[in-house]
Amino acid sequence: MAAASAQFDATMAAVVRLSDATVERLCAAFSHVYPVNYNCEGQVAVAGDRTELEQFCQDVAAAGGRSVPLKVSSGFHSPFMDEAARQFHAYISNIPFRTPEITVYSNRTAMPYGQDVRTLLFEQINHPVRWAKIMQELHAQGFDTFIECGAGSVLRRLATKNLPGCRAFAVEDLSGISKLREEGIL
């Protein structure tokens, strides 16, 4: 991904206060600006050529939205990552995969991985993340408690935006999991 990033002057911005359809329409007016992270209603991250993205952000403001530059090194989950996806596909092409024994959702399809895990893994590099749809699908399956593991709490906040009333927590390590158990959450 670092090598693919070096080939383009691309970056990303979060667009808020506009519908997904409006963001998609605004992106379509540009050759190199793409909706790439459908985070929640009213929040879509876009990747774009730096010059085109500046004009795109002006169009967002004119449409009543707001854009927030993201501190990233390139335009991820977009065609800017096509070469990275090809290289990753070549790398994993001979690695044996089994169907997951537990349900794991693909950010490419917003559905559980099936038989073709390999294809979905490399496609997620240069295709949009469907986070909002994953959350909706999990909720439809009866899930109402979510735990983000790792640094930060961005996904915890997105969980509550997508599913008001759900319980969402963020833990950084195993001690955080232990604390949730002690509190009777797990």
N, C-alpha and C. Protein backbone atom coordinates (compact mmCIF):
# COMPACT_ATOMS: atom_id res chain seq x y z
N MET A 1 0.83 -1.18 0.00
CA MET A 1 0.00 0.00 0.00
C MET A 1 0.87 1.25 0.00
N ALA A 2 2.03 1.19 0.67
CA ALA A 2 2.92 2.34 0.68
C ALA A 2 3.44 2.61 -0.73
N ALA A 3 3.79 1.55 -1.46
CA ALA A 3 4.27 1.73 -2.83
C ALA A 3 3.18 2.30 -3.72
N ALA A 4 1.95 1.82 -3.57
CA ALA A 4 0.83 2.35 -4.35
C ALA A 4 0.58 3.81 -3.99
N SER A 5 0.73 4.15 -2.73
CA SER A 5 0.52 5.53 -2.27
C SER A 5 1.50 6.49 -2.93
N ALA A 6 2.73 6.04 -3.13
CA ALA A 6 3.76 6.91 -3.69
C ALA A 6 3.50 7.27 -5.15
N GLN A 7 2.63 6.52 -5.81
CA GLN A 7 2.35 6.76 -7.23
C GLN A 7 1.39 7.91 -7.46
N PHE A 8 0.67 8.34 -6.43
CA PHE A 8 -0.39 9.33 -6.59
C PHE A 8 -0.29 10.41 -5.52
N ASP A 9 -0.76 11.59 -5.85
CA ASP A 9 -0.90 12.65 -4.86
C ASP A 9 -2.36 12.63 -4.41
N ALA A 10 -2.69 11.64 -3.59
CA ALA A 10 -4.07 11.45 -3.16
C ALA A 10 -4.17 11.58 -1.66
N THR A 11 -5.36 11.93 -1.20
CA THR A 11 -5.62 12.05 0.22
C THR A 11 -7.10 11.74 0.46
N MET A 12 -7.58 11.99 1.66
CA MET A 12 -8.96 11.68 2.00
C MET A 12 -9.58 12.79 2.84
N ALA A 13 -10.89 12.82 2.83
CA ALA A 13 -11.65 13.75 3.67
C ALA A 13 -12.94 13.06 4.11
N ALA A 14 -13.39 13.38 5.30
CA ALA A 14 -14.70 12.92 5.76
C ALA A 14 -15.72 13.98 5.37
N VAL A 15 -16.84 13.53 4.84
CA VAL A 15 -17.93 14.44 4.47
C VAL A 15 -19.07 14.18 5.44
N VAL A 16 -19.53 15.23 6.09
CA VAL A 16 -20.62 15.11 7.05
C VAL A 16 -21.78 16.01 6.64
N ARG A 17 -22.95 15.65 7.15
CA ARG A 17 -24.19 16.41 6.94
C ARG A 17 -24.74 16.33 5.51
N LEU A 18 -24.33 15.33 4.76
CA LEU A 18 -24.92 15.10 3.44
C LEU A 18 -25.29 13.61 3.34
N SER A 19 -26.30 13.32 2.55
CA SER A 19 -26.70 11.93 2.36
C SER A 19 -25.65 11.20 1.53
N ASP A 20 -25.65 9.87 1.63
CA ASP A 20 -24.75 9.06 0.81
C ASP A 20 -24.95 9.37 -0.66
N ALA A 21 -26.21 9.47 -1.08
CA ALA A 21 -26.51 9.73 -2.49
C ALA A 21 -25.95 11.07 -2.95
N THR A 22 -26.02 12.07 -2.10
CA THR A 22 -25.49 13.39 -2.46
C THR A 22 -23.97 13.32 -2.59
N VAL A 23 -23.31 12.65 -1.67
CA VAL A 23 -21.85 12.51 -1.75
C VAL A 23 -21.48 11.76 -3.02
N GLU A 24 -22.20 10.69 -3.33
CA GLU A 24 -21.92 9.93 -4.56
C GLU A 24 -22.10 10.81 -5.79
N ARG A 25 -23.15 11.62 -5.81
CA ARG A 25 -23.40 12.52 -6.95
C ARG A 25 -22.28 13.54 -7.09
N LEU A 26 -21.84 14.10 -5.97
CA LEU A 26 -20.75 15.08 -6.02
C LEU A 26 -19.45 14.42 -6.49
N CYS A 27 -19.17 13.22 -6.02
CA CYS A 27 -17.97 12.50 -6.45
C CYS A 27 -18.00 12.22 -7.96
N ALA A 28 -19.16 11.88 -8.47
CA ALA A 28 -19.29 11.52 -9.89
C ALA A 28 -18.91 12.66 -10.83
N ALA A 29 -18.90 13.88 -10.33
CA ALA A 29 -18.51 15.02 -11.16
C ALA A 29 -17.00 15.13 -11.35
N PHE A 30 -16.24 14.27 -10.66
CA PHE A 30 -14.79 14.31 -10.71
C PHE A 30 -14.25 12.99 -11.25
N SER A 31 -13.12 13.06 -11.91
CA SER A 31 -12.49 11.85 -12.47
C SER A 31 -11.81 11.00 -11.41
N HIS A 32 -11.34 11.64 -10.35
CA HIS A 32 -10.53 10.92 -9.36
C HIS A 32 -10.92 11.24 -7.92
N VAL A 33 -12.22 11.25 -7.65
CA VAL A 33 -12.72 11.39 -6.29
C VAL A 33 -13.76 10.31 -6.09
N TYR A 34 -13.62 9.53 -4.99
CA TYR A 34 -14.44 8.34 -4.80
C TYR A 34 -14.98 8.27 -3.36
N PRO A 35 -16.25 7.87 -3.19
CA PRO A 35 -16.73 7.57 -1.84
C PRO A 35 -16.11 6.23 -1.41
N VAL A 36 -15.48 6.20 -0.24
CA VAL A 36 -14.74 4.99 0.12
C VAL A 36 -15.08 4.40 1.48
N ASN A 37 -15.64 5.16 2.38
CA ASN A 37 -16.02 4.63 3.69
C ASN A 37 -17.42 5.13 4.03
N TYR A 38 -18.39 4.23 3.96
CA TYR A 38 -19.76 4.57 4.33
C TYR A 38 -19.87 4.28 5.83
N ASN A 39 -19.58 5.30 6.63
CA ASN A 39 -19.46 5.13 8.07
C ASN A 39 -20.79 5.10 8.80
N CYS A 40 -21.66 6.05 8.51
CA CYS A 40 -22.99 6.14 9.09
C CYS A 40 -23.76 7.16 8.28
N GLU A 41 -25.06 7.22 8.49
CA GLU A 41 -25.86 8.20 7.76
C GLU A 41 -25.31 9.59 8.05
N GLY A 42 -25.01 10.31 6.99
CA GLY A 42 -24.48 11.66 7.15
C GLY A 42 -22.98 11.73 7.33
N GLN A 43 -22.29 10.59 7.11
CA GLN A 43 -20.82 10.61 7.19
C GLN A 43 -20.24 9.59 6.22
N VAL A 44 -19.60 10.10 5.18
CA VAL A 44 -18.93 9.27 4.18
C VAL A 44 -17.53 9.83 3.98
N ALA A 45 -16.53 8.97 4.06
CA ALA A 45 -15.16 9.41 3.74
C ALA A 45 -14.95 9.24 2.25
N VAL A 46 -14.23 10.17 1.67
CA VAL A 46 -13.91 10.11 0.24
C VAL A 46 -12.40 10.13 0.07
N ALA A 47 -11.94 9.52 -1.02
CA ALA A 47 -10.54 9.55 -1.40
C ALA A 47 -10.45 10.28 -2.72
N GLY A 48 -9.40 11.07 -2.89
CA GLY A 48 -9.31 11.78 -4.14
C GLY A 48 -7.94 12.34 -4.43
N ASP A 49 -7.74 12.61 -5.70
CA ASP A 49 -6.58 13.37 -6.13
C ASP A 49 -6.61 14.68 -5.36
N ARG A 50 -5.48 15.07 -4.81
CA ARG A 50 -5.44 16.23 -3.91
C ARG A 50 -6.04 17.49 -4.55
N THR A 51 -5.72 17.75 -5.80
CA THR A 51 -6.24 18.95 -6.48
C THR A 51 -7.75 18.85 -6.68
N GLU A 52 -8.22 17.70 -7.16
CA GLU A 52 -9.66 17.53 -7.36
C GLU A 52 -10.41 17.56 -6.03
N LEU A 53 -9.78 17.02 -4.99
CA LEU A 53 -10.44 16.97 -3.69
C LEU A 53 -10.67 18.37 -3.13
N GLU A 54 -9.78 19.30 -3.42
CA GLU A 54 -9.98 20.68 -2.97
C GLU A 54 -11.26 21.26 -3.57
N GLN A 55 -11.45 21.06 -4.87
CA GLN A 55 -12.68 21.55 -5.52
C GLN A 55 -13.90 20.79 -5.01
N PHE A 56 -13.75 19.47 -4.84
CA PHE A 56 -14.84 18.66 -4.31
C PHE A 56 -15.30 19.20 -2.95
N CYS A 57 -14.35 19.54 -2.08
CA CYS A 57 -14.70 20.06 -0.74
C CYS A 57 -15.46 21.39 -0.84
N GLN A 58 -15.13 22.20 -1.84
CA GLN A 58 -15.89 23.42 -2.06
C GLN A 58 -17.32 23.08 -2.49
N ASP A 59 -17.46 22.07 -3.33
CA ASP A 59 -18.79 21.63 -3.76
C ASP A 59 -19.60 21.08 -2.58
N VAL A 60 -18.92 20.38 -1.68
CA VAL A 60 -19.58 19.87 -0.47
C VAL A 60 -20.15 21.03 0.33
N ALA A 61 -19.36 22.07 0.53
CA ALA A 61 -19.82 23.24 1.28
C ALA A 61 -21.00 23.90 0.59
N ALA A 62 -20.94 24.01 -0.74
CA ALA A 62 -22.04 24.62 -1.49
C ALA A 62 -23.32 23.80 -1.38
N ALA A 63 -23.18 22.49 -1.17
CA ALA A 63 -24.34 21.60 -1.03
C ALA A 63 -24.87 21.55 0.40
N GLY A 64 -24.21 22.28 1.32
CA GLY A 64 -24.68 22.31 2.70
C GLY A 64 -23.97 21.35 3.63
N GLY A 65 -22.94 20.69 3.15
CA GLY A 65 -22.19 19.75 3.97
C GLY A 65 -20.90 20.37 4.47
N ARG A 66 -20.15 19.55 5.15
CA ARG A 66 -18.86 19.98 5.68
C ARG A 66 -17.86 18.87 5.39
N SER A 67 -16.65 19.24 5.02
CA SER A 67 -15.60 18.25 4.79
C SER A 67 -14.49 18.46 5.80
N VAL A 68 -13.94 17.35 6.26
CA VAL A 68 -12.87 17.37 7.26
C VAL A 68 -11.70 16.58 6.69
N PRO A 69 -10.56 17.24 6.44
CA PRO A 69 -9.41 16.50 5.93
C PRO A 69 -8.98 15.40 6.90
N LEU A 70 -8.61 14.26 6.37
CA LEU A 70 -8.12 13.16 7.19
C LEU A 70 -6.60 13.10 7.10
N LYS A 71 -5.98 12.76 8.21
CA LYS A 71 -4.52 12.68 8.25
C LYS A 71 -4.09 11.29 7.79
N VAL A 72 -4.08 11.11 6.47
CA VAL A 72 -3.69 9.83 5.88
C VAL A 72 -2.67 10.10 4.77
N SER A 73 -1.98 9.05 4.37
CA SER A 73 -0.91 9.20 3.38
C SER A 73 -1.36 8.99 1.95
N SER A 74 -2.62 8.58 1.74
CA SER A 74 -3.08 8.35 0.37
C SER A 74 -4.60 8.21 0.35
N GLY A 75 -5.10 7.78 -0.80
CA GLY A 75 -6.53 7.58 -0.97
C GLY A 75 -6.86 6.11 -0.87
N PHE A 76 -7.10 5.64 0.33
CA PHE A 76 -7.31 4.22 0.57
C PHE A 76 -8.73 3.78 0.19
N HIS A 77 -8.87 2.47 -0.02
CA HIS A 77 -10.15 1.85 -0.40
C HIS A 77 -10.69 2.44 -1.71
N SER A 78 -9.79 2.77 -2.62
CA SER A 78 -10.17 3.40 -3.88
C SER A 78 -9.29 2.85 -5.01
N PRO A 79 -9.58 3.24 -6.25
CA PRO A 79 -8.72 2.82 -7.35
C PRO A 79 -7.25 3.22 -7.20
N PHE A 80 -6.95 4.18 -6.33
CA PHE A 80 -5.55 4.51 -6.08
C PHE A 80 -4.79 3.31 -5.52
N MET A 81 -5.51 2.35 -4.99
CA MET A 81 -4.89 1.16 -4.38
C MET A 81 -4.98 -0.07 -5.28
N ASP A 82 -5.29 0.10 -6.57
CA ASP A 82 -5.40 -1.04 -7.49
C ASP A 82 -4.12 -1.88 -7.52
N GLU A 83 -2.98 -1.25 -7.59
CA GLU A 83 -1.72 -2.00 -7.64
C GLU A 83 -1.49 -2.76 -6.34
N ALA A 84 -1.79 -2.16 -5.22
CA ALA A 84 -1.66 -2.86 -3.93
C ALA A 84 -2.59 -4.07 -3.89
N ALA A 85 -3.81 -3.92 -4.41
CA ALA A 85 -4.74 -5.05 -4.44
C ALA A 85 -4.19 -6.17 -5.33
N ARG A 86 -3.65 -5.82 -6.49
CA ARG A 86 -3.07 -6.84 -7.38
C ARG A 86 -1.92 -7.57 -6.69
N GLN A 87 -1.04 -6.83 -6.05
CA GLN A 87 0.09 -7.46 -5.38
C GLN A 87 -0.36 -8.34 -4.22
N PHE A 88 -1.34 -7.88 -3.46
CA PHE A 88 -1.84 -8.68 -2.35
C PHE A 88 -2.51 -9.95 -2.88
N HIS A 89 -3.26 -9.81 -3.97
CA HIS A 89 -3.91 -10.99 -4.58
C HIS A 89 -2.86 -12.01 -4.98
N ALA A 90 -1.77 -11.57 -5.61
CA ALA A 90 -0.70 -12.49 -6.00
C ALA A 90 -0.08 -13.15 -4.77
N TYR A 91 0.09 -12.39 -3.72
CA TYR A 91 0.70 -12.91 -2.49
C TYR A 91 -0.17 -14.00 -1.85
N ILE A 92 -1.49 -13.79 -1.82
CA ILE A 92 -2.35 -14.75 -1.13
C ILE A 92 -2.92 -15.82 -2.07
N SER A 93 -2.58 -15.77 -3.35
CA SER A 93 -3.21 -16.69 -4.31
C SER A 93 -2.94 -18.16 -4.01
N ASN A 94 -1.84 -18.49 -3.39
CA ASN A 94 -1.53 -19.90 -3.10
C ASN A 94 -1.67 -20.26 -1.62
N ILE A 95 -2.18 -19.34 -0.85
CA ILE A 95 -2.39 -19.63 0.57
C ILE A 95 -3.75 -20.31 0.72
N PRO A 96 -3.80 -21.46 1.37
CA PRO A 96 -5.09 -22.13 1.54
C PRO A 96 -5.97 -21.40 2.56
N PHE A 97 -7.23 -21.24 2.23
CA PHE A 97 -8.21 -20.63 3.13
C PHE A 97 -9.32 -21.63 3.38
N ARG A 98 -9.88 -21.56 4.56
CA ARG A 98 -11.07 -22.34 4.88
C ARG A 98 -12.20 -21.37 5.14
N THR A 99 -13.40 -21.86 5.02
CA THR A 99 -14.55 -21.05 5.39
C THR A 99 -14.45 -20.77 6.89
N PRO A 100 -14.63 -19.52 7.32
CA PRO A 100 -14.52 -19.21 8.75
C PRO A 100 -15.48 -20.06 9.59
N GLU A 101 -15.00 -20.47 10.76
CA GLU A 101 -15.83 -21.25 11.67
C GLU A 101 -16.78 -20.37 12.48
N ILE A 102 -16.46 -19.10 12.60
CA ILE A 102 -17.36 -18.15 13.24
C ILE A 102 -17.75 -17.13 12.17
N THR A 103 -18.81 -16.43 12.39
CA THR A 103 -19.26 -15.45 11.41
C THR A 103 -18.35 -14.22 11.46
N VAL A 104 -17.79 -13.90 10.31
CA VAL A 104 -16.94 -12.73 10.15
C VAL A 104 -17.48 -11.96 8.95
N TYR A 105 -17.69 -10.67 9.13
CA TYR A 105 -18.27 -9.85 8.07
C TYR A 105 -17.18 -9.21 7.22
N SER A 106 -17.43 -9.17 5.93
CA SER A 106 -16.52 -8.54 4.98
C SER A 106 -16.89 -7.08 4.83
N ASN A 107 -15.89 -6.19 4.89
CA ASN A 107 -16.22 -4.78 4.69
C ASN A 107 -16.45 -4.48 3.21
N ARG A 108 -16.17 -5.42 2.34
CA ARG A 108 -16.42 -5.26 0.89
C ARG A 108 -17.91 -5.43 0.57
N THR A 109 -18.53 -6.45 1.19
CA THR A 109 -19.92 -6.77 0.86
C THR A 109 -20.90 -6.44 1.98
N ALA A 110 -20.40 -6.22 3.18
CA ALA A 110 -21.22 -6.03 4.38
C ALA A 110 -22.02 -7.29 4.72
N MET A 111 -21.53 -8.42 4.26
CA MET A 111 -22.15 -9.71 4.53
C MET A 111 -21.08 -10.66 5.07
N PRO A 112 -21.49 -11.78 5.68
CA PRO A 112 -20.48 -12.72 6.17
C PRO A 112 -19.64 -13.27 5.02
N TYR A 113 -18.37 -13.51 5.34
CA TYR A 113 -17.50 -14.18 4.37
C TYR A 113 -18.11 -15.54 4.07
N GLY A 114 -18.03 -15.95 2.83
CA GLY A 114 -18.48 -17.27 2.43
C GLY A 114 -17.29 -18.11 2.03
N GLN A 115 -17.41 -18.79 0.91
CA GLN A 115 -16.35 -19.67 0.44
C GLN A 115 -15.15 -18.91 -0.11
N ASP A 116 -15.37 -17.76 -0.74
CA ASP A 116 -14.29 -17.07 -1.45
C ASP A 116 -13.69 -15.94 -0.61
N VAL A 117 -13.09 -16.31 0.50
CA VAL A 117 -12.48 -15.34 1.40
C VAL A 117 -11.37 -14.58 0.69
N ARG A 118 -10.57 -15.28 -0.10
CA ARG A 118 -9.41 -14.68 -0.76
C ARG A 118 -9.82 -13.46 -1.61
N THR A 119 -10.84 -13.62 -2.43
CA THR A 119 -11.26 -12.52 -3.30
C THR A 119 -11.72 -11.32 -2.48
N LEU A 120 -12.51 -11.56 -1.47
CA LEU A 120 -13.00 -10.45 -0.65
C LEU A 120 -11.87 -9.74 0.08
N LEU A 121 -10.86 -10.49 0.50
CA LEU A 121 -9.73 -9.86 1.19
C LEU A 121 -8.96 -8.91 0.29
N PHE A 122 -8.69 -9.32 -0.94
CA PHE A 122 -7.92 -8.40 -1.77
C PHE A 122 -8.80 -7.29 -2.33
N GLU A 123 -10.09 -7.54 -2.53
CA GLU A 123 -10.97 -6.48 -3.04
C GLU A 123 -11.22 -5.37 -2.02
N GLN A 124 -11.10 -5.68 -0.74
CA GLN A 124 -11.35 -4.64 0.25
C GLN A 124 -10.27 -3.56 0.23
N ILE A 125 -9.16 -3.83 -0.41
CA ILE A 125 -8.09 -2.85 -0.48
C ILE A 125 -8.45 -1.67 -1.39
N ASN A 126 -9.17 -1.95 -2.48
CA ASN A 126 -9.46 -0.88 -3.45
C ASN A 126 -10.95 -0.69 -3.70
N HIS A 127 -11.77 -1.08 -2.75
CA HIS A 127 -13.22 -0.88 -2.83
C HIS A 127 -13.73 -0.28 -1.52
N PRO A 128 -14.88 0.37 -1.55
CA PRO A 128 -15.40 1.03 -0.35
C PRO A 128 -15.67 0.09 0.81
N VAL A 129 -15.54 0.65 2.00
CA VAL A 129 -15.87 -0.02 3.25
C VAL A 129 -17.35 0.26 3.54
N ARG A 130 -18.11 -0.76 3.79
CA ARG A 130 -19.56 -0.65 4.02
C ARG A 130 -19.88 -0.78 5.52
N TRP A 131 -19.23 0.04 6.33
CA TRP A 131 -19.37 -0.08 7.78
C TRP A 131 -20.82 0.07 8.24
N ALA A 132 -21.53 1.06 7.75
CA ALA A 132 -22.92 1.28 8.19
C ALA A 132 -23.78 0.05 7.90
N LYS A 133 -23.60 -0.55 6.73
CA LYS A 133 -24.39 -1.74 6.37
C LYS A 133 -24.02 -2.93 7.23
N ILE A 134 -22.73 -3.06 7.56
CA ILE A 134 -22.33 -4.14 8.46
C ILE A 134 -23.03 -3.99 9.80
N MET A 135 -23.04 -2.78 10.34
CA MET A 135 -23.70 -2.55 11.63
C MET A 135 -25.19 -2.86 11.54
N GLN A 136 -25.84 -2.44 10.46
CA GLN A 136 -27.27 -2.73 10.29
C GLN A 136 -27.52 -4.23 10.19
N GLU A 137 -26.66 -4.93 9.48
CA GLU A 137 -26.81 -6.38 9.34
C GLU A 137 -26.61 -7.09 10.68
N LEU A 138 -25.60 -6.68 11.44
CA LEU A 138 -25.38 -7.27 12.75
C LEU A 138 -26.58 -7.02 13.67
N HIS A 139 -27.11 -5.81 13.63
CA HIS A 139 -28.29 -5.50 14.44
C HIS A 139 -29.48 -6.36 14.02
N ALA A 140 -29.66 -6.55 12.72
CA ALA A 140 -30.76 -7.40 12.23
C ALA A 140 -30.60 -8.85 12.70
N GLN A 141 -29.36 -9.25 12.95
CA GLN A 141 -29.09 -10.60 13.45
C GLN A 141 -29.22 -10.69 14.97
N GLY A 142 -29.56 -9.57 15.61
CA GLY A 142 -29.81 -9.58 17.05
C GLY A 142 -28.69 -9.03 17.91
N PHE A 143 -27.64 -8.52 17.33
CA PHE A 143 -26.53 -7.98 18.11
C PHE A 143 -26.87 -6.56 18.58
N ASP A 144 -26.60 -6.30 19.86
CA ASP A 144 -26.86 -4.96 20.39
C ASP A 144 -25.72 -4.44 21.26
N THR A 145 -24.66 -5.23 21.38
CA THR A 145 -23.49 -4.84 22.16
C THR A 145 -22.26 -5.03 21.30
N PHE A 146 -21.40 -3.98 21.25
CA PHE A 146 -20.23 -4.00 20.39
C PHE A 146 -19.02 -3.56 21.18
N ILE A 147 -17.88 -4.23 20.93
CA ILE A 147 -16.64 -3.90 21.61
C ILE A 147 -15.56 -3.67 20.56
N GLU A 148 -15.02 -2.48 20.57
CA GLU A 148 -13.89 -2.14 19.70
C GLU A 148 -12.61 -2.49 20.45
N CYS A 149 -11.76 -3.28 19.84
CA CYS A 149 -10.50 -3.69 20.44
C CYS A 149 -9.35 -3.01 19.72
N GLY A 150 -8.50 -2.33 20.47
CA GLY A 150 -7.35 -1.63 19.89
C GLY A 150 -7.33 -0.19 20.33
N ALA A 151 -6.42 0.55 19.73
CA ALA A 151 -6.26 1.95 20.10
C ALA A 151 -7.41 2.78 19.55
N GLY A 152 -7.90 3.70 20.36
CA GLY A 152 -8.94 4.62 19.91
C GLY A 152 -10.34 4.11 20.13
N SER A 153 -11.30 4.94 19.71
CA SER A 153 -12.71 4.59 19.91
C SER A 153 -13.58 5.06 18.75
N VAL A 154 -13.01 5.22 17.57
CA VAL A 154 -13.76 5.69 16.41
C VAL A 154 -14.90 4.73 16.08
N LEU A 155 -14.62 3.43 16.08
CA LEU A 155 -15.65 2.46 15.72
C LEU A 155 -16.74 2.38 16.78
N ARG A 156 -16.39 2.56 18.03
CA ARG A 156 -17.41 2.60 19.10
C ARG A 156 -18.38 3.74 18.85
N ARG A 157 -17.84 4.91 18.51
CA ARG A 157 -18.71 6.07 18.24
C ARG A 157 -19.57 5.82 17.00
N LEU A 158 -18.99 5.20 15.97
CA LEU A 158 -19.78 4.91 14.77
C LEU A 158 -20.88 3.90 15.07
N ALA A 159 -20.61 2.95 15.96
CA ALA A 159 -21.63 1.97 16.33
C ALA A 159 -22.84 2.68 16.92
N THR A 160 -22.61 3.64 17.82
CA THR A 160 -23.74 4.33 18.45
C THR A 160 -24.45 5.27 17.48
N LYS A 161 -23.72 5.79 16.49
CA LYS A 161 -24.37 6.62 15.47
C LYS A 161 -25.25 5.77 14.56
N ASN A 162 -24.76 4.59 14.21
CA ASN A 162 -25.52 3.71 13.34
C ASN A 162 -26.70 3.06 14.05
N LEU A 163 -26.51 2.76 15.33
CA LEU A 163 -27.53 2.04 16.09
C LEU A 163 -27.78 2.72 17.42
N PRO A 164 -28.51 3.83 17.40
CA PRO A 164 -28.80 4.51 18.68
C PRO A 164 -29.43 3.52 19.66
N GLY A 165 -28.94 3.53 20.87
CA GLY A 165 -29.47 2.62 21.89
C GLY A 165 -28.64 1.37 22.05
N CYS A 166 -27.73 1.09 21.14
CA CYS A 166 -26.87 -0.08 21.32
C CYS A 166 -25.84 0.22 22.40
N ARG A 167 -25.26 -0.82 22.93
CA ARG A 167 -24.18 -0.65 23.89
C ARG A 167 -22.87 -0.82 23.13
N ALA A 168 -21.96 0.13 23.28
CA ALA A 168 -20.69 0.08 22.57
C ALA A 168 -19.56 0.48 23.51
N PHE A 169 -18.47 -0.27 23.45
CA PHE A 169 -17.34 -0.07 24.34
C PHE A 169 -16.06 -0.11 23.51
N ALA A 170 -15.02 0.49 24.03
CA ALA A 170 -13.70 0.43 23.41
C ALA A 170 -12.71 -0.01 24.47
N VAL A 171 -11.90 -1.00 24.13
CA VAL A 171 -10.85 -1.48 25.03
C VAL A 171 -9.54 -1.51 24.25
N GLU A 172 -8.45 -1.25 24.97
CA GLU A 172 -7.15 -1.22 24.30
C GLU A 172 -6.37 -2.51 24.47
N ASP A 173 -6.72 -3.31 25.49
CA ASP A 173 -5.95 -4.52 25.74
C ASP A 173 -6.80 -5.52 26.52
N LEU A 174 -6.20 -6.63 26.91
CA LEU A 174 -6.94 -7.67 27.62
C LEU A 174 -7.45 -7.21 28.97
N SER A 175 -6.77 -6.26 29.59
CA SER A 175 -7.27 -5.77 30.87
C SER A 175 -8.60 -5.05 30.69
N GLY A 176 -8.79 -4.41 29.53
CA GLY A 176 -10.08 -3.78 29.24
C GLY A 176 -11.20 -4.80 29.11
N ILE A 177 -10.89 -5.93 28.49
CA ILE A 177 -11.87 -7.03 28.39
C ILE A 177 -12.19 -7.55 29.79
N SER A 178 -11.15 -7.73 30.61
CA SER A 178 -11.36 -8.20 31.99
C SER A 178 -12.25 -7.24 32.77
N LYS A 179 -12.04 -5.94 32.58
CA LYS A 179 -12.85 -4.95 33.28
C LYS A 179 -14.32 -5.05 32.86
N LEU A 180 -14.56 -5.25 31.55
CA LEU A 180 -15.94 -5.42 31.09
C LEU A 180 -16.57 -6.66 31.70
N ARG A 181 -15.80 -7.72 31.85
CA ARG A 181 -16.31 -8.93 32.51
C ARG A 181 -16.65 -8.66 33.98
N GLU A 182 -15.74 -7.96 34.67
CA GLU A 182 -15.97 -7.64 36.09
C GLU A 182 -17.22 -6.81 36.27
N GLU A 183 -17.51 -5.94 35.31
CA GLU A 183 -18.68 -5.08 35.39
C GLU A 183 -19.95 -5.78 34.93
N GLY A 184 -19.82 -7.05 34.52
CA GLY A 184 -20.98 -7.82 34.09
C GLY A 184 -21.46 -7.53 32.69
N ILE A 185 -20.64 -6.86 31.90
CA ILE A 185 -21.03 -6.52 30.53
C ILE A 185 -20.85 -7.73 29.61
N LEU A 186 -19.82 -8.51 29.88
CA LEU A 186 -19.57 -9.73 29.09
C LEU A 186 -19.93 -10.96 29.88
